[in-house]
Every structure is written in structure tokens, then in C-alpha cells.
Amino acid sequence: MLERTALATGSLVREACRNGGFAEQTSGLAAGFTQANLVVLPLEWANDFHEFCRRNPKPCPLLDVTEPGNPVPAHVAGMADLRTDLPRYRIWRNGELTDEATRWLIANGYDELMGARPMARVIQEHIKKPLADEVLFGRLKSGGHVRVMVVTDEAGNSNLGFDYPDGPVTPRAEKLPEPRRAKKRRASPRRKPSSGSNGGSDTPPRRGGPTPKVPLVKV
């Protein structure tokens, strides 16, 4: 990463962002240059936001407006490209901040020599350990929701933080799996006993059984 003191002009800041050498907060950089926030909206909302800024020029001064599909703010920085010349993009979808924590994990959990091996340690140190304390003793003791986000301190250093949007809630009861029922075995069909004695039956006697008595005939 570049030293912040080396980024003395707006063009140097944009070049560092474009090359991937700077991805931090820009406060204090390029002294004497005007800094602004970028707002990208769907086309159907753009006119309403433009009118809002026009009626509130002090809190929301509008420096430039680009046409749909045009990434160059020609009025304030004709050589800039809004797609690549910003350090970070915060994307909100339906009021939810997305993707920022994911990009932070990718940047801090990847090493050129070791690949993604440091990722498990980063997640353990920055997410699991702090949340374990909240689950045992803090805001999540009675259950709840948490959002992982990126926070930046006064020095411009970024780290992971947590937001608890809905407050403590009662956790849902865990649904236990139903016990398996033992399958009934089918009983083997029983053989019907032969009727009558062996003398009057057509079925030959079983081997190993008693020898049938033969009546003696007097000649």
C-alpha cells in the first residue's frame, strides 16, 4: 500500500485507486482539492434525487451529473473514470449494505505466498471471537441478528465491526428430527400340518423321523 503523504493531488489519488494501490478513506488527502461523494442511482430515481439536491444545496451540494452509461465526470475531473478511480464502493440493496465485509476479508485473508490459508485465522480473530463474547455475555445473550460491516477509525484504518439492526429477539426453537420407526418384519408363512397319518397320506415321511409301523399279517 502507498503512503498517504505521497497522495498530494487528486490525480495521484485517482491513479493509486485505479492501480489497486490505495483502498482506504480519503480524508486528509490532496489538500486544497475538493472531495466529494459518488452516488449512483437507478434512472427512475435520478430526477428525484437531483431535485432534492437542488432544494438542499448546503448539505447536498451537487458538483456534477453524468448521463446514463457515461463514467466520466467531465465538469470536475475530465480525466477520471468513476468505475475505477475510487478507493471503495459501498453498495446498498433495499437499505442493506452489502459486499463490503466480503471484500475486506478477501484483502486481509489472502497472501501471495500462502494463498487463502490466513483466511481461517482472520475469521477466527475478527468475527468468531468477538461474537462469542456477545453470545455469552452481551447483546446476543438472548439471541438476535448481527450484520458484519467495515468500520474506519480516525487514522483511516479499516476493520470489521458489528451492527445489531433488530435488537435482541427470542431465538426460534430448534426443530429436532423425528425418531425413525423400526420397520416391521414380515412373518414367514407357516406350513400347514398334513392331515391324517402317514399311512393314509400321499406325502412321504420325512427323513430322520420315526419309522411307520407296518401291521403284521398272519398268513
C-alpha atoms as a PDB file:
ATOM      1  CA  MET A   1       0.000   0.000   0.000  1.00  0.00           C
ATOM      2  CA  LEU A   2       1.143   3.579  -0.707  1.00  0.00           C
ATOM      3  CA  GLU A   3       1.970   6.088   1.995  1.00  0.00           C
ATOM      4  CA  ARG A   4      -0.819   8.619   2.495  1.00  0.00           C
ATOM      5  CA  THR A   5       1.654  11.508   2.380  1.00  0.00           C
ATOM      6  CA  ALA A   6       2.554  10.624  -1.216  1.00  0.00           C
ATOM      7  CA  LEU A   7      -1.016  11.258  -2.397  1.00  0.00           C
ATOM      8  CA  ALA A   8      -0.848  15.043  -2.607  1.00  0.00           C
ATOM      9  CA  THR A   9      -3.130  15.695  -5.585  1.00  0.00           C
ATOM     10  CA  GLY A  10      -6.441  14.448  -6.837  1.00  0.00           C
ATOM     11  CA  SER A  11      -4.893  12.833  -9.903  1.00  0.00           C
ATOM     12  CA  LEU A  12      -2.398  10.907  -7.744  1.00  0.00           C
ATOM     13  CA  VAL A  13      -5.201   9.623  -5.522  1.00  0.00           C
ATOM     14  CA  ARG A  14      -7.255   8.509  -8.529  1.00  0.00           C
ATOM     15  CA  GLU A  15      -4.235   6.823 -10.115  1.00  0.00           C
ATOM     16  CA  ALA A  16      -3.458   4.917  -6.898  1.00  0.00           C
ATOM     17  CA  CYS A  17      -7.065   3.724  -6.670  1.00  0.00           C
ATOM     18  CA  ARG A  18      -7.073   2.713 -10.333  1.00  0.00           C
ATOM     19  CA  ASN A  19      -3.904   0.628  -9.903  1.00  0.00           C
ATOM     20  CA  GLY A  20      -5.150  -1.061  -6.718  1.00  0.00           C
ATOM     21  CA  GLY A  21      -2.530   0.602  -4.508  1.00  0.00           C
ATOM     22  CA  PHE A  22      -4.987   2.523  -2.308  1.00  0.00           C
ATOM     23  CA  ALA A  23      -8.303   1.368  -0.830  1.00  0.00           C
ATOM     24  CA  GLU A  24      -8.737   3.423   2.339  1.00  0.00           C
ATOM     25  CA  GLN A  25     -10.590   6.515   3.448  1.00  0.00           C
ATOM     26  CA  THR A  26      -9.586   9.669   1.535  1.00  0.00           C
ATOM     27  CA  SER A  27      -9.964  12.232   4.336  1.00  0.00           C
ATOM     28  CA  GLY A  28      -6.825  14.361   4.680  1.00  0.00           C
ATOM     29  CA  LEU A  29      -5.532  13.566   1.194  1.00  0.00           C
ATOM     30  CA  ALA A  30      -4.935  16.031  -1.659  1.00  0.00           C
ATOM     31  CA  ALA A  31      -5.032  19.171   0.462  1.00  0.00           C
ATOM     32  CA  GLY A  32      -6.599  22.088  -1.383  1.00  0.00           C
ATOM     33  CA  PHE A  33      -8.709  19.846  -3.638  1.00  0.00           C
ATOM     34  CA  THR A  34     -12.462  19.397  -3.240  1.00  0.00           C
ATOM     35  CA  GLN A  35     -13.554  15.932  -2.178  1.00  0.00           C
ATOM     36  CA  ALA A  36     -16.989  14.586  -2.998  1.00  0.00           C
ATOM     37  CA  ASN A  37     -19.128  11.509  -2.564  1.00  0.00           C
ATOM     38  CA  LEU A  38     -20.316   9.451  -5.509  1.00  0.00           C
ATOM     39  CA  VAL A  39     -23.982   8.457  -5.613  1.00  0.00           C
ATOM     40  CA  VAL A  40     -25.136   6.023  -8.300  1.00  0.00           C
ATOM     41  CA  LEU A  41     -28.886   5.556  -8.617  1.00  0.00           C
ATOM     42  CA  PRO A  42     -31.292   3.770 -10.950  1.00  0.00           C
ATOM     43  CA  LEU A  43     -32.506   6.031 -13.726  1.00  0.00           C
ATOM     44  CA  GLU A  44     -36.068   6.197 -12.357  1.00  0.00           C
ATOM     45  CA  TRP A  45     -34.767   7.692  -9.068  1.00  0.00           C
ATOM     46  CA  ALA A  46     -32.183  10.096 -10.528  1.00  0.00           C
ATOM     47  CA  ASN A  47     -34.524  13.035 -11.209  1.00  0.00           C
ATOM     48  CA  ASP A  48     -35.985  12.947  -7.701  1.00  0.00           C
ATOM     49  CA  PHE A  49     -32.501  12.919  -6.154  1.00  0.00           C
ATOM     50  CA  HIS A  50     -31.408  15.763  -8.440  1.00  0.00           C
ATOM     51  CA  GLU A  51     -34.370  17.846  -7.293  1.00  0.00           C
ATOM     52  CA  PHE A  52     -33.628  17.016  -3.643  1.00  0.00           C
ATOM     53  CA  CYS A  53     -30.038  18.273  -4.022  1.00  0.00           C
ATOM     54  CA  ARG A  54     -31.223  21.421  -5.797  1.00  0.00           C
ATOM     55  CA  ARG A  55     -33.516  22.276  -2.896  1.00  0.00           C
ATOM     56  CA  ASN A  56     -30.846  21.472  -0.300  1.00  0.00           C
ATOM     57  CA  PRO A  57     -27.624  22.948  -1.717  1.00  0.00           C
ATOM     58  CA  LYS A  58     -25.761  23.274   1.586  1.00  0.00           C
ATOM     59  CA  PRO A  59     -25.992  19.698   2.968  1.00  0.00           C
ATOM     60  CA  CYS A  60     -26.086  18.143  -0.528  1.00  0.00           C
ATOM     61  CA  PRO A  61     -24.085  20.292  -2.972  1.00  0.00           C
ATOM     62  CA  LEU A  62     -24.250  18.808  -6.448  1.00  0.00           C
ATOM     63  CA  LEU A  63     -20.911  19.165  -8.257  1.00  0.00           C
ATOM     64  CA  ASP A  64     -21.519  17.122 -11.395  1.00  0.00           C
ATOM     65  CA  VAL A  65     -24.058  14.843 -13.073  1.00  0.00           C
ATOM     66  CA  THR A  66     -23.205  12.244 -15.710  1.00  0.00           C
ATOM     67  CA  GLU A  67     -25.501  10.803 -18.316  1.00  0.00           C
ATOM     68  CA  PRO A  68     -26.532   7.122 -18.073  1.00  0.00           C
ATOM     69  CA  GLY A  69     -23.623   4.912 -19.134  1.00  0.00           C
ATOM     70  CA  ASN A  70     -21.056   7.727 -19.045  1.00  0.00           C
ATOM     71  CA  PRO A  71     -18.412   7.171 -16.298  1.00  0.00           C
ATOM     72  CA  VAL A  72     -16.527  10.469 -16.841  1.00  0.00           C
ATOM     73  CA  PRO A  73     -17.405  13.497 -14.633  1.00  0.00           C
ATOM     74  CA  ALA A  74     -16.357  16.000 -17.299  1.00  0.00           C
ATOM     75  CA  HIS A  75     -17.237  19.110 -15.282  1.00  0.00           C
ATOM     76  CA  VAL A  76     -14.997  18.431 -12.242  1.00  0.00           C
ATOM     77  CA  ALA A  77     -12.442  15.820 -13.452  1.00  0.00           C
ATOM     78  CA  GLY A  78     -12.392  15.189 -17.168  1.00  0.00           C
ATOM     79  CA  MET A  79      -9.669  12.523 -16.938  1.00  0.00           C
ATOM     80  CA  ALA A  80     -11.362  10.477 -14.189  1.00  0.00           C
ATOM     81  CA  ASP A  81     -13.271   7.227 -14.549  1.00  0.00           C
ATOM     82  CA  LEU A  82     -15.923   6.610 -11.901  1.00  0.00           C
ATOM     83  CA  ARG A  83     -15.703   2.848 -12.456  1.00  0.00           C
ATOM     84  CA  THR A  84     -12.080   2.532 -11.325  1.00  0.00           C
ATOM     85  CA  ASP A  85     -10.859   5.747  -9.646  1.00  0.00           C
ATOM     86  CA  LEU A  86     -12.473   5.373  -6.218  1.00  0.00           C
ATOM     87  CA  PRO A  87     -10.869   3.503  -3.302  1.00  0.00           C
ATOM     88  CA  ARG A  88     -14.007   1.579  -2.366  1.00  0.00           C
ATOM     89  CA  TYR A  89     -17.635   1.286  -3.392  1.00  0.00           C
ATOM     90  CA  ARG A  90     -20.340   0.810  -0.770  1.00  0.00           C
ATOM     91  CA  ILE A  91     -23.285  -0.942  -2.355  1.00  0.00           C
ATOM     92  CA  TRP A  92     -26.730  -0.701  -0.751  1.00  0.00           C
ATOM     93  CA  ARG A  93     -29.539  -3.003  -1.842  1.00  0.00           C
ATOM     94  CA  ASN A  94     -33.006  -2.408  -0.369  1.00  0.00           C
ATOM     95  CA  GLY A  95     -31.477  -0.464   2.523  1.00  0.00           C
ATOM     96  CA  GLU A  96     -28.875  -3.152   3.299  1.00  0.00           C
ATOM     97  CA  LEU A  97     -25.139  -2.528   2.963  1.00  0.00           C
ATOM     98  CA  THR A  98     -23.661  -5.475   1.052  1.00  0.00           C
ATOM     99  CA  ASP A  99     -20.344  -6.891  -0.124  1.00  0.00           C
ATOM    100  CA  GLU A 100     -18.083  -4.539   1.880  1.00  0.00           C
ATOM    101  CA  ALA A 101     -17.132  -7.045   4.591  1.00  0.00           C
ATOM    102  CA  THR A 102     -16.567  -9.703   1.936  1.00  0.00           C
ATOM    103  CA  ARG A 103     -14.050  -7.520   0.123  1.00  0.00           C
ATOM    104  CA  TRP A 104     -12.290  -6.746   3.429  1.00  0.00           C
ATOM    105  CA  LEU A 105     -11.925 -10.469   4.173  1.00  0.00           C
ATOM    106  CA  ILE A 106     -10.544 -11.105   0.701  1.00  0.00           C
ATOM    107  CA  ALA A 107      -7.991  -8.305   1.086  1.00  0.00           C
ATOM    108  CA  ASN A 108      -6.864  -9.360   4.578  1.00  0.00           C
ATOM    109  CA  GLY A 109      -7.257 -13.124   4.351  1.00  0.00           C
ATOM    110  CA  TYR A 110      -5.205 -13.715   1.214  1.00  0.00           C
ATOM    111  CA  ASP A 111      -1.434 -13.919   0.945  1.00  0.00           C
ATOM    112  CA  GLU A 112       0.576 -14.142  -2.273  1.00  0.00           C
ATOM    113  CA  LEU A 113       2.749 -16.941  -0.890  1.00  0.00           C
ATOM    114  CA  MET A 114       0.229 -18.829   1.255  1.00  0.00           C
ATOM    115  CA  GLY A 115      -2.907 -18.234  -0.772  1.00  0.00           C
ATOM    116  CA  ALA A 116      -6.114 -18.282   1.290  1.00  0.00           C
ATOM    117  CA  ARG A 117      -4.623 -20.113   4.283  1.00  0.00           C
ATOM    118  CA  PRO A 118      -4.703 -16.979   6.536  1.00  0.00           C
ATOM    119  CA  MET A 119      -8.465 -16.669   5.952  1.00  0.00           C
ATOM    120  CA  ALA A 120      -9.404 -19.065   8.793  1.00  0.00           C
ATOM    121  CA  ARG A 121      -7.242 -17.128  11.268  1.00  0.00           C
ATOM    122  CA  VAL A 122      -8.698 -13.775  10.158  1.00  0.00           C
ATOM    123  CA  ILE A 123     -12.283 -15.040  10.540  1.00  0.00           C
ATOM    124  CA  GLN A 124     -11.477 -16.548  13.942  1.00  0.00           C
ATOM    125  CA  GLU A 125      -9.849 -13.360  15.247  1.00  0.00           C
ATOM    126  CA  HIS A 126     -12.148 -10.710  13.780  1.00  0.00           C
ATOM    127  CA  ILE A 127     -15.548 -12.446  13.720  1.00  0.00           C
ATOM    128  CA  LYS A 128     -15.807 -15.581  15.844  1.00  0.00           C
ATOM    129  CA  LYS A 129     -14.041 -14.344  18.985  1.00  0.00           C
ATOM    130  CA  PRO A 130     -15.905 -11.011  19.275  1.00  0.00           C
ATOM    131  CA  LEU A 131     -19.247 -12.665  18.548  1.00  0.00           C
ATOM    132  CA  ALA A 132     -18.576 -15.396  21.120  1.00  0.00           C
ATOM    133  CA  ASP A 133     -18.383 -12.733  23.845  1.00  0.00           C
ATOM    134  CA  GLU A 134     -21.627 -11.164  22.620  1.00  0.00           C
ATOM    135  CA  VAL A 135     -23.385 -14.540  22.576  1.00  0.00           C
ATOM    136  CA  LEU A 136     -22.250 -15.416  26.114  1.00  0.00           C
ATOM    137  CA  PHE A 137     -22.360 -12.056  27.887  1.00  0.00           C
ATOM    138  CA  GLY A 138     -23.509  -9.300  25.519  1.00  0.00           C
ATOM    139  CA  ARG A 139     -26.214  -8.268  23.113  1.00  0.00           C
ATOM    140  CA  LEU A 140     -26.756 -11.730  21.665  1.00  0.00           C
ATOM    141  CA  LYS A 141     -27.172 -13.472  25.015  1.00  0.00           C
ATOM    142  CA  SER A 142     -30.912 -13.826  24.380  1.00  0.00           C
ATOM    143  CA  GLY A 143     -30.496 -14.320  20.634  1.00  0.00           C
ATOM    144  CA  GLY A 144     -30.711 -11.781  17.861  1.00  0.00           C
ATOM    145  CA  HIS A 145     -29.398 -10.706  14.475  1.00  0.00           C
ATOM    146  CA  VAL A 146     -25.998  -9.279  13.614  1.00  0.00           C
ATOM    147  CA  ARG A 147     -24.594  -7.668  10.478  1.00  0.00           C
ATOM    148  CA  VAL A 148     -20.843  -7.715   9.797  1.00  0.00           C
ATOM    149  CA  MET A 149     -19.623  -4.415   8.383  1.00  0.00           C
ATOM    150  CA  VAL A 150     -16.421  -2.436   7.805  1.00  0.00           C
ATOM    151  CA  VAL A 151     -15.623   0.471  10.132  1.00  0.00           C
ATOM    152  CA  THR A 152     -12.870   3.051   9.716  1.00  0.00           C
ATOM    153  CA  ASP A 153     -11.123   4.852  12.582  1.00  0.00           C
ATOM    154  CA  GLU A 154      -9.809   8.433  12.595  1.00  0.00           C
ATOM    155  CA  ALA A 155      -6.433   7.343  11.220  1.00  0.00           C
ATOM    156  CA  GLY A 156      -8.095   5.777   8.187  1.00  0.00           C
ATOM    157  CA  ASN A 157      -7.518   2.162   9.269  1.00  0.00           C
ATOM    158  CA  SER A 158     -10.366  -0.203   8.457  1.00  0.00           C
ATOM    159  CA  ASN A 159     -11.533  -3.164  10.488  1.00  0.00           C
ATOM    160  CA  LEU A 160     -14.597  -5.334  10.882  1.00  0.00           C
ATOM    161  CA  GLY A 161     -17.388  -4.238  13.173  1.00  0.00           C
ATOM    162  CA  PHE A 162     -20.895  -5.395  14.020  1.00  0.00           C
ATOM    163  CA  ASP A 163     -24.337  -3.889  13.787  1.00  0.00           C
ATOM    164  CA  TYR A 164     -27.406  -5.258  15.554  1.00  0.00           C
ATOM    165  CA  PRO A 165     -30.297  -3.956  13.434  1.00  0.00           C
ATOM    166  CA  ASP A 166     -33.251  -5.688  15.075  1.00  0.00           C
ATOM    167  CA  GLY A 167     -32.046  -5.839  18.669  1.00  0.00           C
ATOM    168  CA  PRO A 168     -32.344  -8.922  20.902  1.00  0.00           C
ATOM    169  CA  VAL A 169     -35.014 -11.380  19.833  1.00  0.00           C
ATOM    170  CA  THR A 170     -36.188 -14.709  21.082  1.00  0.00           C
ATOM    171  CA  PRO A 171     -34.416 -17.448  19.133  1.00  0.00           C
ATOM    172  CA  ARG A 172     -36.549 -19.924  17.317  1.00  0.00           C
ATOM    173  CA  ALA A 173     -36.922 -23.344  18.845  1.00  0.00           C
ATOM    174  CA  GLU A 174     -34.702 -25.855  17.168  1.00  0.00           C
ATOM    175  CA  LYS A 175     -36.648 -28.455  15.262  1.00  0.00           C
ATOM    176  CA  LEU A 176     -35.429 -31.876  16.230  1.00  0.00           C
ATOM    177  CA  PRO A 177     -35.559 -34.685  13.697  1.00  0.00           C
ATOM    178  CA  GLU A 178     -38.315 -37.221  14.247  1.00  0.00           C
ATOM    179  CA  PRO A 179     -37.128 -40.608  15.531  1.00  0.00           C
ATOM    180  CA  ARG A 180     -37.088 -43.325  12.957  1.00  0.00           C
ATOM    181  CA  ARG A 181     -39.688 -46.009  13.378  1.00  0.00           C
ATOM    182  CA  ALA A 182     -38.491 -49.590  13.340  1.00  0.00           C
ATOM    183  CA  LYS A 183     -39.649 -51.451  10.294  1.00  0.00           C
ATOM    184  CA  LYS A 184     -41.888 -54.423  10.984  1.00  0.00           C
ATOM    185  CA  ARG A 185     -40.572 -57.657   9.664  1.00  0.00           C
ATOM    186  CA  ARG A 186     -42.928 -59.780   7.692  1.00  0.00           C
ATOM    187  CA  ALA A 187     -43.622 -63.125   9.310  1.00  0.00           C
ATOM    188  CA  SER A 188     -42.748 -66.101   7.174  1.00  0.00           C
ATOM    189  CA  PRO A 189     -45.823 -68.122   6.182  1.00  0.00           C
ATOM    190  CA  ARG A 190     -46.361 -71.161   8.322  1.00  0.00           C
ATOM    191  CA  ARG A 191     -46.658 -74.568   6.712  1.00  0.00           C
ATOM    192  CA  LYS A 192     -49.970 -76.222   7.101  1.00  0.00           C
ATOM    193  CA  PRO A 193     -49.745 -79.526   9.000  1.00  0.00           C
ATOM    194  CA  SER A 194     -50.542 -82.595   6.929  1.00  0.00           C
ATOM    195  CA  SER A 195     -53.868 -84.195   7.734  1.00  0.00           C
ATOM    196  CA  GLY A 196     -54.172 -87.855   8.644  1.00  0.00           C
ATOM    197  CA  SER A 197     -51.431 -90.374   9.399  1.00  0.00           C
ATOM    198  CA  ASN A 198     -48.543 -91.228   7.232  1.00  0.00           C
ATOM    199  CA  GLY A 199     -50.257 -94.441   6.230  1.00  0.00           C
ATOM    200  CA  GLY A 200     -53.165 -92.581   4.714  1.00  0.00           C
ATOM    201  CA  SER A 201     -51.238 -89.598   3.365  1.00  0.00           C
ATOM    202  CA  ASP A 202     -49.689 -89.218  -0.043  1.00  0.00           C
ATOM    203  CA  THR A 203     -46.803 -87.233   1.434  1.00  0.00           C
ATOM    204  CA  PRO A 204     -43.744 -89.413   2.070  1.00  0.00           C
ATOM    205  CA  PRO A 205     -42.459 -89.450   5.637  1.00  0.00           C
ATOM    206  CA  ARG A 206     -39.634 -87.012   6.495  1.00  0.00           C
ATOM    207  CA  ARG A 207     -36.167 -88.404   6.718  1.00  0.00           C
ATOM    208  CA  GLY A 208     -34.909 -88.863  10.232  1.00  0.00           C
ATOM    209  CA  GLY A 209     -38.426 -89.188  11.619  1.00  0.00           C
ATOM    210  CA  PRO A 210     -39.951 -92.240  13.382  1.00  0.00           C
ATOM    211  CA  THR A 211     -40.335 -95.395  11.295  1.00  0.00           C
ATOM    212  CA  PRO A 212     -44.004 -96.052  10.500  1.00  0.00           C
ATOM    213  CA  LYS A 213     -45.475 -99.194  11.991  1.00  0.00           C
ATOM    214  CA  VAL A 214     -46.336-101.907   9.488  1.00  0.00           C
ATOM    215  CA  PRO A 215     -49.229-104.161  10.553  1.00  0.00           C
ATOM    216  CA  LEU A 216     -48.351-107.831  10.711  1.00  0.00           C
ATOM    217  CA  VAL A 217     -50.488-110.069   8.556  1.00  0.00           C
ATOM    218  CA  LYS A 218     -50.995-113.660   9.587  1.00  0.00           C
ATOM    219  CA  VAL A 219     -50.706-115.999   6.627  1.00  0.00           C
END
